Amino acid sequence: MIGCYGELDRSMGPRMARLLEERLPPETPREVHLYPEVGHSLLTDGHHPIARVFAFGMGIVDFNPAASEEGFRKIFAFFDHHLD
């Protein structure tokens, strides 16, 4: 299980990262990453008008391309390592 969260995401962010670490069985492979200064739109630019409406109040901040790229890199590396 891999989780990539923006620290400024008020809907998931640090709370969900902590829960993921606490509640998964010890034998479950996991990686949890928190990205500072990033909100709910960690892996997307968040510019779609409908996404903006549904994400209101979730702590969206300006898109951070470097954090997004790093998040996707970590996700795909995790999958490459754990999936055949």
PDB file of N, CA and C in Angstrom:
ATOM      1  N   MET A   1       0.852  -1.149   0.000  1.00  0.00           N
ATOM      2  CA  MET A   1       0.000   0.000   0.000  1.00  0.00           C
ATOM      3  C   MET A   1       0.906   1.221   0.000  1.00  0.00           C
ATOM      4  N   ILE A   2       0.610   2.149  -0.901  1.00  0.00           N
ATOM      5  CA  ILE A   2       1.371   3.390  -0.930  1.00  0.00           C
ATOM      6  C   ILE A   2       0.401   4.553  -0.815  1.00  0.00           C
ATOM      7  N   GLY A   3       0.799   5.544  -0.055  1.00  0.00           N
ATOM      8  CA  GLY A   3      -0.009   6.746   0.086  1.00  0.00           C
ATOM      9  C   GLY A   3       0.864   7.971  -0.064  1.00  0.00           C
ATOM     10  N   CYS A   4       0.446   8.881  -0.930  1.00  0.00           N
ATOM     11  CA  CYS A   4       1.138  10.144  -1.128  1.00  0.00           C
ATOM     12  C   CYS A   4       0.137  11.252  -0.820  1.00  0.00           C
ATOM     13  N   TYR A   5       0.458  12.077   0.168  1.00  0.00           N
ATOM     14  CA  TYR A   5      -0.484  13.080   0.644  1.00  0.00           C
ATOM     15  C   TYR A   5       0.174  14.448   0.733  1.00  0.00           C
ATOM     16  N   GLY A   6      -0.601  15.472   0.475  1.00  0.00           N
ATOM     17  CA  GLY A   6      -0.151  16.832   0.709  1.00  0.00           C
ATOM     18  C   GLY A   6      -0.381  17.186   2.174  1.00  0.00           C
ATOM     19  N   GLU A   7       0.616  17.766   2.812  1.00  0.00           N
ATOM     20  CA  GLU A   7       0.476  18.120   4.226  1.00  0.00           C
ATOM     21  C   GLU A   7      -0.613  19.159   4.471  1.00  0.00           C
ATOM     22  N   LEU A   8      -0.945  19.952   3.455  1.00  0.00           N
ATOM     23  CA  LEU A   8      -1.960  20.992   3.617  1.00  0.00           C
ATOM     24  C   LEU A   8      -3.359  20.514   3.238  1.00  0.00           C
ATOM     25  N   ASP A   9      -3.494  19.254   2.902  1.00  0.00           N
ATOM     26  CA  ASP A   9      -4.791  18.690   2.537  1.00  0.00           C
ATOM     27  C   ASP A   9      -5.603  18.475   3.810  1.00  0.00           C
ATOM     28  N   ARG A  10      -6.644  19.272   3.988  1.00  0.00           N
ATOM     29  CA  ARG A  10      -7.442  19.186   5.212  1.00  0.00           C
ATOM     30  C   ARG A  10      -8.395  17.996   5.212  1.00  0.00           C
ATOM     31  N   SER A  11      -8.635  17.376   4.063  1.00  0.00           N
ATOM     32  CA  SER A  11      -9.563  16.244   4.028  1.00  0.00           C
ATOM     33  C   SER A  11      -8.859  14.910   4.232  1.00  0.00           C
ATOM     34  N   MET A  12      -7.602  14.809   3.865  1.00  0.00           N
ATOM     35  CA  MET A  12      -6.897  13.534   3.964  1.00  0.00           C
ATOM     36  C   MET A  12      -5.520  13.716   4.602  1.00  0.00           C
ATOM     37  N   GLY A  13      -4.665  14.434   3.982  1.00  0.00           N
ATOM     38  CA  GLY A  13      -3.336  14.798   4.433  1.00  0.00           C
ATOM     39  C   GLY A  13      -2.731  13.996   5.562  1.00  0.00           C
ATOM     40  N   PRO A  14      -2.175  14.672   6.562  1.00  0.00           N
ATOM     41  CA  PRO A  14      -1.458  13.981   7.647  1.00  0.00           C
ATOM     42  C   PRO A  14      -2.316  12.981   8.421  1.00  0.00           C
ATOM     43  N   ARG A  15      -3.586  13.280   8.589  1.00  0.00           N
ATOM     44  CA  ARG A  15      -4.470  12.373   9.333  1.00  0.00           C
ATOM     45  C   ARG A  15      -4.550  11.017   8.639  1.00  0.00           C
ATOM     46  N   MET A  16      -4.759  11.019   7.341  1.00  0.00           N
ATOM     47  CA  MET A  16      -4.883   9.762   6.600  1.00  0.00           C
ATOM     48  C   MET A  16      -3.541   9.031   6.532  1.00  0.00           C
ATOM     49  N   ALA A  17      -2.469   9.768   6.414  1.00  0.00           N
ATOM     50  CA  ALA A  17      -1.141   9.144   6.408  1.00  0.00           C
ATOM     51  C   ALA A  17      -0.903   8.415   7.727  1.00  0.00           C
ATOM     52  N   ARG A  18      -1.253   9.057   8.832  1.00  0.00           N
ATOM     53  CA  ARG A  18      -1.085   8.442  10.149  1.00  0.00           C
ATOM     54  C   ARG A  18      -1.952   7.192  10.279  1.00  0.00           C
ATOM     55  N   LEU A  19      -3.212   7.283   9.844  1.00  0.00           N
ATOM     56  CA  LEU A  19      -4.110   6.124   9.933  1.00  0.00           C
ATOM     57  C   LEU A  19      -3.613   4.959   9.084  1.00  0.00           C
ATOM     58  N   LEU A  20      -3.099   5.265   7.916  1.00  0.00           N
ATOM     59  CA  LEU A  20      -2.571   4.213   7.051  1.00  0.00           C
ATOM     60  C   LEU A  20      -1.427   3.482   7.752  1.00  0.00           C
ATOM     61  N   GLU A  21      -0.545   4.223   8.360  1.00  0.00           N
ATOM     62  CA  GLU A  21       0.577   3.606   9.082  1.00  0.00           C
ATOM     63  C   GLU A  21       0.089   2.786  10.275  1.00  0.00           C
ATOM     64  N   GLU A  22      -0.876   3.297  11.008  1.00  0.00           N
ATOM     65  CA  GLU A  22      -1.339   2.644  12.231  1.00  0.00           C
ATOM     66  C   GLU A  22      -2.188   1.401  11.984  1.00  0.00           C
ATOM     67  N   ARG A  23      -2.988   1.408  10.944  1.00  0.00           N
ATOM     68  CA  ARG A  23      -4.010   0.364  10.800  1.00  0.00           C
ATOM     69  C   ARG A  23      -3.657  -0.775   9.860  1.00  0.00           C
ATOM     70  N   LEU A  24      -2.638  -0.619   9.059  1.00  0.00           N
ATOM     71  CA  LEU A  24      -2.260  -1.738   8.203  1.00  0.00           C
ATOM     72  C   LEU A  24      -1.547  -2.798   9.030  1.00  0.00           C
ATOM     73  N   PRO A  25      -1.799  -4.056   8.739  1.00  0.00           N
ATOM     74  CA  PRO A  25      -1.075  -5.117   9.449  1.00  0.00           C
ATOM     75  C   PRO A  25       0.429  -4.962   9.222  1.00  0.00           C
ATOM     76  N   PRO A  26       1.231  -5.337  10.198  1.00  0.00           N
ATOM     77  CA  PRO A  26       2.685  -5.154  10.090  1.00  0.00           C
ATOM     78  C   PRO A  26       3.303  -5.804   8.848  1.00  0.00           C
ATOM     79  N   GLU A  27       2.702  -6.894   8.393  1.00  0.00           N
ATOM     80  CA  GLU A  27       3.289  -7.596   7.239  1.00  0.00           C
ATOM     81  C   GLU A  27       2.938  -6.952   5.903  1.00  0.00           C
ATOM     82  N   THR A  28       2.090  -5.943   5.902  1.00  0.00           N
ATOM     83  CA  THR A  28       1.696  -5.280   4.659  1.00  0.00           C
ATOM     84  C   THR A  28       2.783  -4.312   4.212  1.00  0.00           C
ATOM     85  N   PRO A  29       3.343  -4.541   3.020  1.00  0.00           N
ATOM     86  CA  PRO A  29       4.320  -3.572   2.512  1.00  0.00           C
ATOM     87  C   PRO A  29       3.662  -2.203   2.378  1.00  0.00           C
ATOM     88  N   ARG A  30       4.371  -1.169   2.798  1.00  0.00           N
ATOM     89  CA  ARG A  30       3.780   0.166   2.754  1.00  0.00           C
ATOM     90  C   ARG A  30       4.848   1.232   2.580  1.00  0.00           C
ATOM     91  N   GLU A  31       4.402   2.317   2.006  1.00  0.00           N
ATOM     92  CA  GLU A  31       5.170   3.559   1.951  1.00  0.00           C
ATOM     93  C   GLU A  31       4.159   4.675   2.130  1.00  0.00           C
ATOM     94  N   VAL A  32       4.493   5.611   2.978  1.00  0.00           N
ATOM     95  CA  VAL A  32       3.635   6.776   3.187  1.00  0.00           C
ATOM     96  C   VAL A  32       4.504   8.016   3.030  1.00  0.00           C
ATOM     97  N   HIS A  33       4.071   8.912   2.158  1.00  0.00           N
ATOM     98  CA  HIS A  33       4.828  10.123   1.872  1.00  0.00           C
ATOM     99  C   HIS A  33       3.946  11.344   2.069  1.00  0.00           C
ATOM    100  N   LEU A  34       4.475  12.332   2.779  1.00  0.00           N
ATOM    101  CA  LEU A  34       3.807  13.612   2.968  1.00  0.00           C
ATOM    102  C   LEU A  34       4.624  14.686   2.258  1.00  0.00           C
ATOM    103  N   TYR A  35       3.932  15.524   1.511  1.00  0.00           N
ATOM    104  CA  TYR A  35       4.592  16.587   0.771  1.00  0.00           C
ATOM    105  C   TYR A  35       4.230  17.943   1.376  1.00  0.00           C
ATOM    106  N   PRO A  36       5.224  18.651   1.924  1.00  0.00           N
ATOM    107  CA  PRO A  36       4.945  19.948   2.525  1.00  0.00           C
ATOM    108  C   PRO A  36       4.509  20.961   1.467  1.00  0.00           C
ATOM    109  N   GLU A  37       3.702  21.904   1.880  1.00  0.00           N
ATOM    110  CA  GLU A  37       3.244  23.006   1.028  1.00  0.00           C
ATOM    111  C   GLU A  37       2.408  22.530  -0.157  1.00  0.00           C
ATOM    112  N   VAL A  38       1.843  21.333  -0.061  1.00  0.00           N
ATOM    113  CA  VAL A  38       0.986  20.798  -1.121  1.00  0.00           C
ATOM    114  C   VAL A  38      -0.355  20.439  -0.501  1.00  0.00           C
ATOM    115  N   GLY A  39      -1.434  20.732  -1.207  1.00  0.00           N
ATOM    116  CA  GLY A  39      -2.770  20.416  -0.722  1.00  0.00           C
ATOM    117  C   GLY A  39      -3.338  19.165  -1.353  1.00  0.00           C
ATOM    118  N   HIS A  40      -4.634  19.138  -1.524  1.00  0.00           N
ATOM    119  CA  HIS A  40      -5.343  17.967  -2.023  1.00  0.00           C
ATOM    120  C   HIS A  40      -4.975  17.621  -3.458  1.00  0.00           C
ATOM    121  N   SER A  41      -4.558  18.590  -4.225  1.00  0.00           N
ATOM    122  CA  SER A  41      -4.275  18.350  -5.648  1.00  0.00           C
ATOM    123  C   SER A  41      -2.822  17.950  -5.884  1.00  0.00           C
ATOM    124  N   LEU A  42      -2.303  17.085  -5.049  1.00  0.00           N
ATOM    125  CA  LEU A  42      -0.902  16.669  -5.156  1.00  0.00           C
ATOM    126  C   LEU A  42      -0.563  16.097  -6.531  1.00  0.00           C
ATOM    127  N   LEU A  43      -1.397  15.218  -7.051  1.00  0.00           N
ATOM    128  CA  LEU A  43      -1.059  14.517  -8.296  1.00  0.00           C
ATOM    129  C   LEU A  43      -1.762  15.079  -9.529  1.00  0.00           C
ATOM    130  N   THR A  44      -2.443  16.182  -9.379  1.00  0.00           N
ATOM    131  CA  THR A  44      -3.108  16.808 -10.522  1.00  0.00           C
ATOM    132  C   THR A  44      -2.949  18.310 -10.421  1.00  0.00           C
ATOM    133  N   ASP A  45      -3.083  18.994 -11.546  1.00  0.00           N
ATOM    134  CA  ASP A  45      -2.910  20.441 -11.487  1.00  0.00           C
ATOM    135  C   ASP A  45      -4.112  21.152 -10.875  1.00  0.00           C
ATOM    136  N   GLY A  46      -5.238  20.449 -10.714  1.00  0.00           N
ATOM    137  CA  GLY A  46      -6.387  21.010 -10.027  1.00  0.00           C
ATOM    138  C   GLY A  46      -7.102  22.120 -10.750  1.00  0.00           C
ATOM    139  N   HIS A  47      -6.817  22.310 -12.043  1.00  0.00           N
ATOM    140  CA  HIS A  47      -7.414  23.419 -12.781  1.00  0.00           C
ATOM    141  C   HIS A  47      -8.745  23.092 -13.443  1.00  0.00           C
ATOM    142  N   HIS A  48      -9.178  21.863 -13.366  1.00  0.00           N
ATOM    143  CA  HIS A  48     -10.459  21.520 -13.970  1.00  0.00           C
ATOM    144  C   HIS A  48     -11.565  22.189 -13.161  1.00  0.00           C
ATOM    145  N   PRO A  49     -12.506  22.905 -13.806  1.00  0.00           N
ATOM    146  CA  PRO A  49     -13.512  23.665 -13.050  1.00  0.00           C
ATOM    147  C   PRO A  49     -14.392  22.806 -12.144  1.00  0.00           C
ATOM    148  N   ILE A  50     -14.742  21.612 -12.565  1.00  0.00           N
ATOM    149  CA  ILE A  50     -15.575  20.747 -11.723  1.00  0.00           C
ATOM    150  C   ILE A  50     -14.771  20.258 -10.522  1.00  0.00           C
ATOM    151  N   ALA A  51     -13.511  19.925 -10.751  1.00  0.00           N
ATOM    152  CA  ALA A  51     -12.657  19.488  -9.643  1.00  0.00           C
ATOM    153  C   ALA A  51     -12.520  20.595  -8.609  1.00  0.00           C
ATOM    154  N   ARG A  52     -12.423  21.829  -9.044  1.00  0.00           N
ATOM    155  CA  ARG A  52     -12.314  22.957  -8.111  1.00  0.00           C
ATOM    156  C   ARG A  52     -13.555  23.034  -7.210  1.00  0.00           C
ATOM    157  N   VAL A  53     -14.725  22.812  -7.792  1.00  0.00           N
ATOM    158  CA  VAL A  53     -15.966  22.892  -7.012  1.00  0.00           C
ATOM    159  C   VAL A  53     -16.012  21.783  -5.965  1.00  0.00           C
ATOM    160  N   PHE A  54     -15.721  20.546  -6.377  1.00  0.00           N
ATOM    161  CA  PHE A  54     -15.800  19.417  -5.449  1.00  0.00           C
ATOM    162  C   PHE A  54     -14.695  19.438  -4.405  1.00  0.00           C
ATOM    163  N   ALA A  55     -13.578  20.061  -4.714  1.00  0.00           N
ATOM    164  CA  ALA A  55     -12.450  20.082  -3.789  1.00  0.00           C
ATOM    165  C   ALA A  55     -12.449  21.315  -2.886  1.00  0.00           C
ATOM    166  N   PHE A  56     -13.465  22.143  -2.978  1.00  0.00           N
ATOM    167  CA  PHE A  56     -13.517  23.356  -2.168  1.00  0.00           C
ATOM    168  C   PHE A  56     -13.366  23.015  -0.683  1.00  0.00           C
ATOM    169  N   GLY A  57     -12.477  23.710  -0.019  1.00  0.00           N
ATOM    170  CA  GLY A  57     -12.268  23.499   1.406  1.00  0.00           C
ATOM    171  C   GLY A  57     -11.308  22.387   1.764  1.00  0.00           C
ATOM    172  N   MET A  58     -10.732  21.712   0.781  1.00  0.00           N
ATOM    173  CA  MET A  58      -9.826  20.597   1.063  1.00  0.00           C
ATOM    174  C   MET A  58      -8.373  21.049   1.192  1.00  0.00           C
ATOM    175  N   GLY A  59      -8.134  22.337   1.104  1.00  0.00           N
ATOM    176  CA  GLY A  59      -6.767  22.814   1.267  1.00  0.00           C
ATOM    177  C   GLY A  59      -5.966  22.807  -0.007  1.00  0.00           C
ATOM    178  N   ILE A  60      -6.608  23.054  -1.116  1.00  0.00           N
ATOM    179  CA  ILE A  60      -5.862  23.097  -2.370  1.00  0.00           C
ATOM    180  C   ILE A  60      -4.961  24.321  -2.370  1.00  0.00           C
ATOM    181  N   VAL A  61      -3.740  24.125  -2.755  1.00  0.00           N
ATOM    182  CA  VAL A  61      -2.804  25.219  -2.942  1.00  0.00           C
ATOM    183  C   VAL A  61      -2.307  25.145  -4.374  1.00  0.00           C
ATOM    184  N   ASP A  62      -1.489  26.070  -4.739  1.00  0.00           N
ATOM    185  CA  ASP A  62      -0.964  26.056  -6.105  1.00  0.00           C
ATOM    186  C   ASP A  62      -0.325  24.712  -6.425  1.00  0.00           C
ATOM    187  N   PHE A  63      -0.513  24.291  -7.671  1.00  0.00           N
ATOM    188  CA  PHE A  63       0.050  23.031  -8.148  1.00  0.00           C
ATOM    189  C   PHE A  63       1.567  23.064  -8.019  1.00  0.00           C
ATOM    190  N   ASN A  64       2.125  21.975  -7.542  1.00  0.00           N
ATOM    191  CA  ASN A  64       3.570  21.850  -7.387  1.00  0.00           C
ATOM    192  C   ASN A  64       4.037  20.725  -8.307  1.00  0.00           C
ATOM    193  N   PRO A  65       4.508  21.069  -9.524  1.00  0.00           N
ATOM    194  CA  PRO A  65       4.896  20.027 -10.484  1.00  0.00           C
ATOM    195  C   PRO A  65       5.989  19.097  -9.971  1.00  0.00           C
ATOM    196  N   ALA A  66       6.929  19.623  -9.204  1.00  0.00           N
ATOM    197  CA  ALA A  66       8.012  18.770  -8.695  1.00  0.00           C
ATOM    198  C   ALA A  66       7.471  17.726  -7.722  1.00  0.00           C
ATOM    199  N   ALA A  67       6.568  18.129  -6.833  1.00  0.00           N
ATOM    200  CA  ALA A  67       5.973  17.177  -5.883  1.00  0.00           C
ATOM    201  C   ALA A  67       5.130  16.145  -6.619  1.00  0.00           C
ATOM    202  N   SER A  68       4.384  16.583  -7.623  1.00  0.00           N
ATOM    203  CA  SER A  68       3.566  15.661  -8.410  1.00  0.00           C
ATOM    204  C   SER A  68       4.442  14.629  -9.116  1.00  0.00           C
ATOM    205  N   GLU A  69       5.499  15.100  -9.739  1.00  0.00           N
ATOM    206  CA  GLU A  69       6.401  14.190 -10.449  1.00  0.00           C
ATOM    207  C   GLU A  69       7.041  13.192  -9.487  1.00  0.00           C
ATOM    208  N   GLU A  70       7.467  13.693  -8.330  1.00  0.00           N
ATOM    209  CA  GLU A  70       8.065  12.793  -7.335  1.00  0.00           C
ATOM    210  C   GLU A  70       7.049  11.780  -6.816  1.00  0.00           C
ATOM    211  N   GLY A  71       5.809  12.231  -6.582  1.00  0.00           N
ATOM    212  CA  GLY A  71       4.762  11.326  -6.125  1.00  0.00           C
ATOM    213  C   GLY A  71       4.504  10.204  -7.117  1.00  0.00           C
ATOM    214  N   PHE A  72       4.353  10.569  -8.393  1.00  0.00           N
ATOM    215  CA  PHE A  72       4.132   9.541  -9.418  1.00  0.00           C
ATOM    216  C   PHE A  72       5.341   8.613  -9.521  1.00  0.00           C
ATOM    217  N   ARG A  73       6.550   9.161  -9.425  1.00  0.00           N
ATOM    218  CA  ARG A  73       7.758   8.329  -9.494  1.00  0.00           C
ATOM    219  C   ARG A  73       7.756   7.301  -8.361  1.00  0.00           C
ATOM    220  N   LYS A  74       7.400   7.740  -7.160  1.00  0.00           N
ATOM    221  CA  LYS A  74       7.379   6.822  -6.016  1.00  0.00           C
ATOM    222  C   LYS A  74       6.281   5.772  -6.152  1.00  0.00           C
ATOM    223  N   ILE A  75       5.132   6.172  -6.646  1.00  0.00           N
ATOM    224  CA  ILE A  75       4.025   5.226  -6.841  1.00  0.00           C
ATOM    225  C   ILE A  75       4.414   4.148  -7.843  1.00  0.00           C
ATOM    226  N   PHE A  76       4.941   4.561  -8.998  1.00  0.00           N
ATOM    227  CA  PHE A  76       5.312   3.574 -10.022  1.00  0.00           C
ATOM    228  C   PHE A  76       6.472   2.700  -9.563  1.00  0.00           C
ATOM    229  N   ALA A  77       7.426   3.253  -8.820  1.00  0.00           N
ATOM    230  CA  ALA A  77       8.532   2.439  -8.291  1.00  0.00           C
ATOM    231  C   ALA A  77       8.004   1.413  -7.293  1.00  0.00           C
ATOM    232  N   PHE A  78       7.050   1.819  -6.461  1.00  0.00           N
ATOM    233  CA  PHE A  78       6.446   0.888  -5.508  1.00  0.00           C
ATOM    234  C   PHE A  78       5.754  -0.256  -6.253  1.00  0.00           C
ATOM    235  N   PHE A  79       4.979   0.077  -7.272  1.00  0.00           N
ATOM    236  CA  PHE A  79       4.296  -0.954  -8.065  1.00  0.00           C
ATOM    237  C   PHE A  79       5.312  -1.865  -8.754  1.00  0.00           C
ATOM    238  N   ASP A  80       6.362  -1.271  -9.341  1.00  0.00           N
ATOM    239  CA  ASP A  80       7.384  -2.090 -10.020  1.00  0.00           C
ATOM    240  C   ASP A  80       8.032  -3.075  -9.042  1.00  0.00           C
ATOM    241  N   HIS A  81       8.204  -2.648  -7.814  1.00  0.00           N
ATOM    242  CA  HIS A  81       8.862  -3.506  -6.823  1.00  0.00           C
ATOM    243  C   HIS A  81       7.940  -4.615  -6.310  1.00  0.00           C
ATOM    244  N   HIS A  82       6.649  -4.302  -6.131  1.00  0.00           N
ATOM    245  CA  HIS A  82       5.742  -5.238  -5.463  1.00  0.00           C
ATOM    246  C   HIS A  82       4.795  -6.015  -6.384  1.00  0.00           C
ATOM    247  N   LEU A  83       4.686  -5.603  -7.626  1.00  0.00           N
ATOM    248  CA  LEU A  83       3.802  -6.305  -8.564  1.00  0.00           C
ATOM    249  C   LEU A  83       4.606  -6.960  -9.657  1.00  0.00           C
ATOM    250  N   ASP A  84       4.236  -8.145 -10.029  1.00  0.00           N
ATOM    251  CA  ASP A  84       4.931  -8.849 -11.121  1.00  0.00           C
ATOM    252  C   ASP A  84       4.171  -8.711 -12.394  1.00  0.00           C
TER     253      ASP A  84
END
